[in-house]
Amino acid sequence: PLEEFFEVERSTQDDQPAPHYGRGWKASELRLKSWDDLHKLWYVLLKEKNMLMSQRQMLASESMRFPNPERISKVKRSMCRIKHVLTERAIADPDPRRTAEMKRMINAM
């Protein structure tokens, strides 16, 4: 649904503190994840990136400032780290054909 491309607005009048967003993933943490977990995490991050980019574009069209622009860089950095970890695994594979296939898939991400 289209609503998934935008964050729910949080009212500042509710006396609630501003939301705290998490940090990016470290490569050392990602190395502990399975191939399937990394694949799922990639798509979660891709969805988050698309939502943030859509929100930033919408706010820019209304001449409004995008809050927390560092969130986009955290997501992008985490995605780069996933690709790095997957590339490490591909290089470590003893089968050269499988290594080449894995690298093609990683580069297509």
C-alpha atoms as a PDB file:
ATOM      1  CA  PRO A   1       0.000   0.000   0.000  1.00  0.00           C
ATOM      2  CA  LEU A   2       0.996   3.573  -0.649  1.00  0.00           C
ATOM      3  CA  GLU A   3       0.776   4.420   3.063  1.00  0.00           C
ATOM      4  CA  GLU A   4       3.886   2.314   3.670  1.00  0.00           C
ATOM      5  CA  PHE A   5       5.958   4.922   1.823  1.00  0.00           C
ATOM      6  CA  PHE A   6       5.267   7.537   4.504  1.00  0.00           C
ATOM      7  CA  GLU A   7       5.805   7.595   8.235  1.00  0.00           C
ATOM      8  CA  VAL A   8       2.901   8.199  10.557  1.00  0.00           C
ATOM      9  CA  GLU A   9       3.111  11.783  11.786  1.00  0.00           C
ATOM     10  CA  ARG A  10       3.809  12.155  15.465  1.00  0.00           C
ATOM     11  CA  SER A  11       2.212  15.079  17.193  1.00  0.00           C
ATOM     12  CA  THR A  12       4.583  17.299  19.157  1.00  0.00           C
ATOM     13  CA  GLN A  13       1.721  18.453  21.381  1.00  0.00           C
ATOM     14  CA  ASP A  14       1.391  15.121  23.188  1.00  0.00           C
ATOM     15  CA  ASP A  15       4.258  15.929  25.581  1.00  0.00           C
ATOM     16  CA  GLN A  16       6.033  12.879  24.215  1.00  0.00           C
ATOM     17  CA  PRO A  17       9.758  13.025  23.586  1.00  0.00           C
ATOM     18  CA  ALA A  18      10.944  13.005  20.012  1.00  0.00           C
ATOM     19  CA  PRO A  19      11.373   9.442  18.752  1.00  0.00           C
ATOM     20  CA  HIS A  20      14.850   7.969  19.004  1.00  0.00           C
ATOM     21  CA  TYR A  21      15.915   6.031  15.949  1.00  0.00           C
ATOM     22  CA  GLY A  22      18.338   3.148  16.112  1.00  0.00           C
ATOM     23  CA  ARG A  23      21.854   2.891  14.864  1.00  0.00           C
ATOM     24  CA  GLY A  24      23.064   1.203  11.716  1.00  0.00           C
ATOM     25  CA  TRP A  25      24.135  -2.426  11.617  1.00  0.00           C
ATOM     26  CA  LYS A  26      27.798  -3.243  12.209  1.00  0.00           C
ATOM     27  CA  ALA A  27      29.556  -5.670   9.860  1.00  0.00           C
ATOM     28  CA  SER A  28      30.530  -7.816  12.857  1.00  0.00           C
ATOM     29  CA  GLU A  29      26.834  -8.216  13.738  1.00  0.00           C
ATOM     30  CA  LEU A  30      25.892  -8.988  10.159  1.00  0.00           C
ATOM     31  CA  ARG A  31      28.546 -11.714   9.910  1.00  0.00           C
ATOM     32  CA  LEU A  32      26.586 -13.634  12.560  1.00  0.00           C
ATOM     33  CA  LYS A  33      23.411 -13.623  10.451  1.00  0.00           C
ATOM     34  CA  SER A  34      22.361 -16.392   8.071  1.00  0.00           C
ATOM     35  CA  TRP A  35      22.029 -15.826   4.333  1.00  0.00           C
ATOM     36  CA  ASP A  36      18.232 -15.793   4.701  1.00  0.00           C
ATOM     37  CA  ASP A  37      18.351 -13.302   7.572  1.00  0.00           C
ATOM     38  CA  LEU A  38      20.601 -10.981   5.561  1.00  0.00           C
ATOM     39  CA  HIS A  39      18.256 -11.288   2.587  1.00  0.00           C
ATOM     40  CA  LYS A  40      15.245 -10.357   4.749  1.00  0.00           C
ATOM     41  CA  LEU A  41      17.137  -7.519   6.418  1.00  0.00           C
ATOM     42  CA  TRP A  42      18.160  -6.170   2.986  1.00  0.00           C
ATOM     43  CA  TYR A  43      14.495  -5.823   1.989  1.00  0.00           C
ATOM     44  CA  VAL A  44      13.509  -4.296   5.334  1.00  0.00           C
ATOM     45  CA  LEU A  45      16.255  -1.688   4.847  1.00  0.00           C
ATOM     46  CA  LEU A  46      15.261  -1.150   1.210  1.00  0.00           C
ATOM     47  CA  LYS A  47      11.678  -0.503   2.278  1.00  0.00           C
ATOM     48  CA  GLU A  48      12.900   1.893   4.995  1.00  0.00           C
ATOM     49  CA  LYS A  49      15.132   3.697   2.497  1.00  0.00           C
ATOM     50  CA  ASN A  50      12.258   4.072   0.018  1.00  0.00           C
ATOM     51  CA  MET A  51       9.987   5.390   2.769  1.00  0.00           C
ATOM     52  CA  LEU A  52      12.589   7.924   3.915  1.00  0.00           C
ATOM     53  CA  MET A  53      13.379   9.059   0.371  1.00  0.00           C
ATOM     54  CA  SER A  54       9.657   9.457  -0.401  1.00  0.00           C
ATOM     55  CA  GLN A  55       9.159  11.461   2.765  1.00  0.00           C
ATOM     56  CA  ARG A  56      12.185  13.641   2.008  1.00  0.00           C
ATOM     57  CA  GLN A  57      10.927  14.319  -1.535  1.00  0.00           C
ATOM     58  CA  MET A  58       7.421  15.141  -0.321  1.00  0.00           C
ATOM     59  CA  LEU A  59       8.748  17.564   2.303  1.00  0.00           C
ATOM     60  CA  ALA A  60      11.134  19.181  -0.202  1.00  0.00           C
ATOM     61  CA  SER A  61       8.235  19.800  -2.591  1.00  0.00           C
ATOM     62  CA  GLU A  62       6.514  21.678   0.243  1.00  0.00           C
ATOM     63  CA  SER A  63       9.732  23.572   1.115  1.00  0.00           C
ATOM     64  CA  MET A  64       9.915  21.806   4.452  1.00  0.00           C
ATOM     65  CA  ARG A  65      12.982  20.429   6.179  1.00  0.00           C
ATOM     66  CA  PHE A  66      13.449  16.668   6.362  1.00  0.00           C
ATOM     67  CA  PRO A  67      13.878  15.668  10.029  1.00  0.00           C
ATOM     68  CA  ASN A  68      16.733  13.340  10.938  1.00  0.00           C
ATOM     69  CA  PRO A  69      18.520  13.166   7.564  1.00  0.00           C
ATOM     70  CA  GLU A  70      21.146  10.941   9.189  1.00  0.00           C
ATOM     71  CA  ARG A  71      18.610   8.096   9.099  1.00  0.00           C
ATOM     72  CA  ILE A  72      19.062   7.788   5.340  1.00  0.00           C
ATOM     73  CA  SER A  73      22.831   7.495   5.657  1.00  0.00           C
ATOM     74  CA  LYS A  74      22.467   4.884   8.431  1.00  0.00           C
ATOM     75  CA  VAL A  75      20.230   2.779   6.210  1.00  0.00           C
ATOM     76  CA  LYS A  76      22.535   3.148   3.194  1.00  0.00           C
ATOM     77  CA  ARG A  77      25.594   2.303   5.288  1.00  0.00           C
ATOM     78  CA  SER A  78      23.873  -0.812   6.664  1.00  0.00           C
ATOM     79  CA  MET A  79      22.967  -1.888   3.132  1.00  0.00           C
ATOM     80  CA  CYS A  80      26.586  -1.436   2.010  1.00  0.00           C
ATOM     81  CA  ARG A  81      27.732  -3.516   4.955  1.00  0.00           C
ATOM     82  CA  ILE A  82      25.336  -6.318   4.030  1.00  0.00           C
ATOM     83  CA  LYS A  83      26.797  -6.359   0.517  1.00  0.00           C
ATOM     84  CA  HIS A  84      30.305  -6.393   1.991  1.00  0.00           C
ATOM     85  CA  VAL A  85      29.531  -9.367   4.264  1.00  0.00           C
ATOM     86  CA  LEU A  86      27.906 -11.268   1.397  1.00  0.00           C
ATOM     87  CA  THR A  87      30.936 -10.557  -0.803  1.00  0.00           C
ATOM     88  CA  GLU A  88      33.224 -11.893   1.935  1.00  0.00           C
ATOM     89  CA  ARG A  89      31.178 -15.081   1.995  1.00  0.00           C
ATOM     90  CA  ALA A  90      31.252 -15.380  -1.784  1.00  0.00           C
ATOM     91  CA  ILE A  91      35.039 -15.004  -1.875  1.00  0.00           C
ATOM     92  CA  ALA A  92      35.434 -17.616   0.877  1.00  0.00           C
ATOM     93  CA  ASP A  93      33.420 -20.199  -1.090  1.00  0.00           C
ATOM     94  CA  PRO A  94      35.772 -22.840  -2.541  1.00  0.00           C
ATOM     95  CA  ASP A  95      33.641 -23.363  -5.679  1.00  0.00           C
ATOM     96  CA  PRO A  96      34.624 -20.696  -8.269  1.00  0.00           C
ATOM     97  CA  ARG A  97      31.361 -21.067 -10.205  1.00  0.00           C
ATOM     98  CA  ARG A  98      29.325 -20.553  -7.084  1.00  0.00           C
ATOM     99  CA  THR A  99      31.524 -17.589  -6.104  1.00  0.00           C
ATOM    100  CA  ALA A 100      30.917 -15.981  -9.510  1.00  0.00           C
ATOM    101  CA  GLU A 101      27.166 -16.590  -9.263  1.00  0.00           C
ATOM    102  CA  MET A 102      27.016 -15.123  -5.757  1.00  0.00           C
ATOM    103  CA  LYS A 103      29.002 -12.058  -6.856  1.00  0.00           C
ATOM    104  CA  ARG A 104      26.627 -11.494  -9.807  1.00  0.00           C
ATOM    105  CA  MET A 105      23.661 -11.646  -7.463  1.00  0.00           C
ATOM    106  CA  ILE A 106      25.307  -9.304  -4.934  1.00  0.00           C
ATOM    107  CA  ASN A 107      26.230  -6.790  -7.638  1.00  0.00           C
ATOM    108  CA  ALA A 108      22.627  -6.807  -8.878  1.00  0.00           C
ATOM    109  CA  MET A 109      21.406  -5.680  -5.445  1.00  0.00           C
END
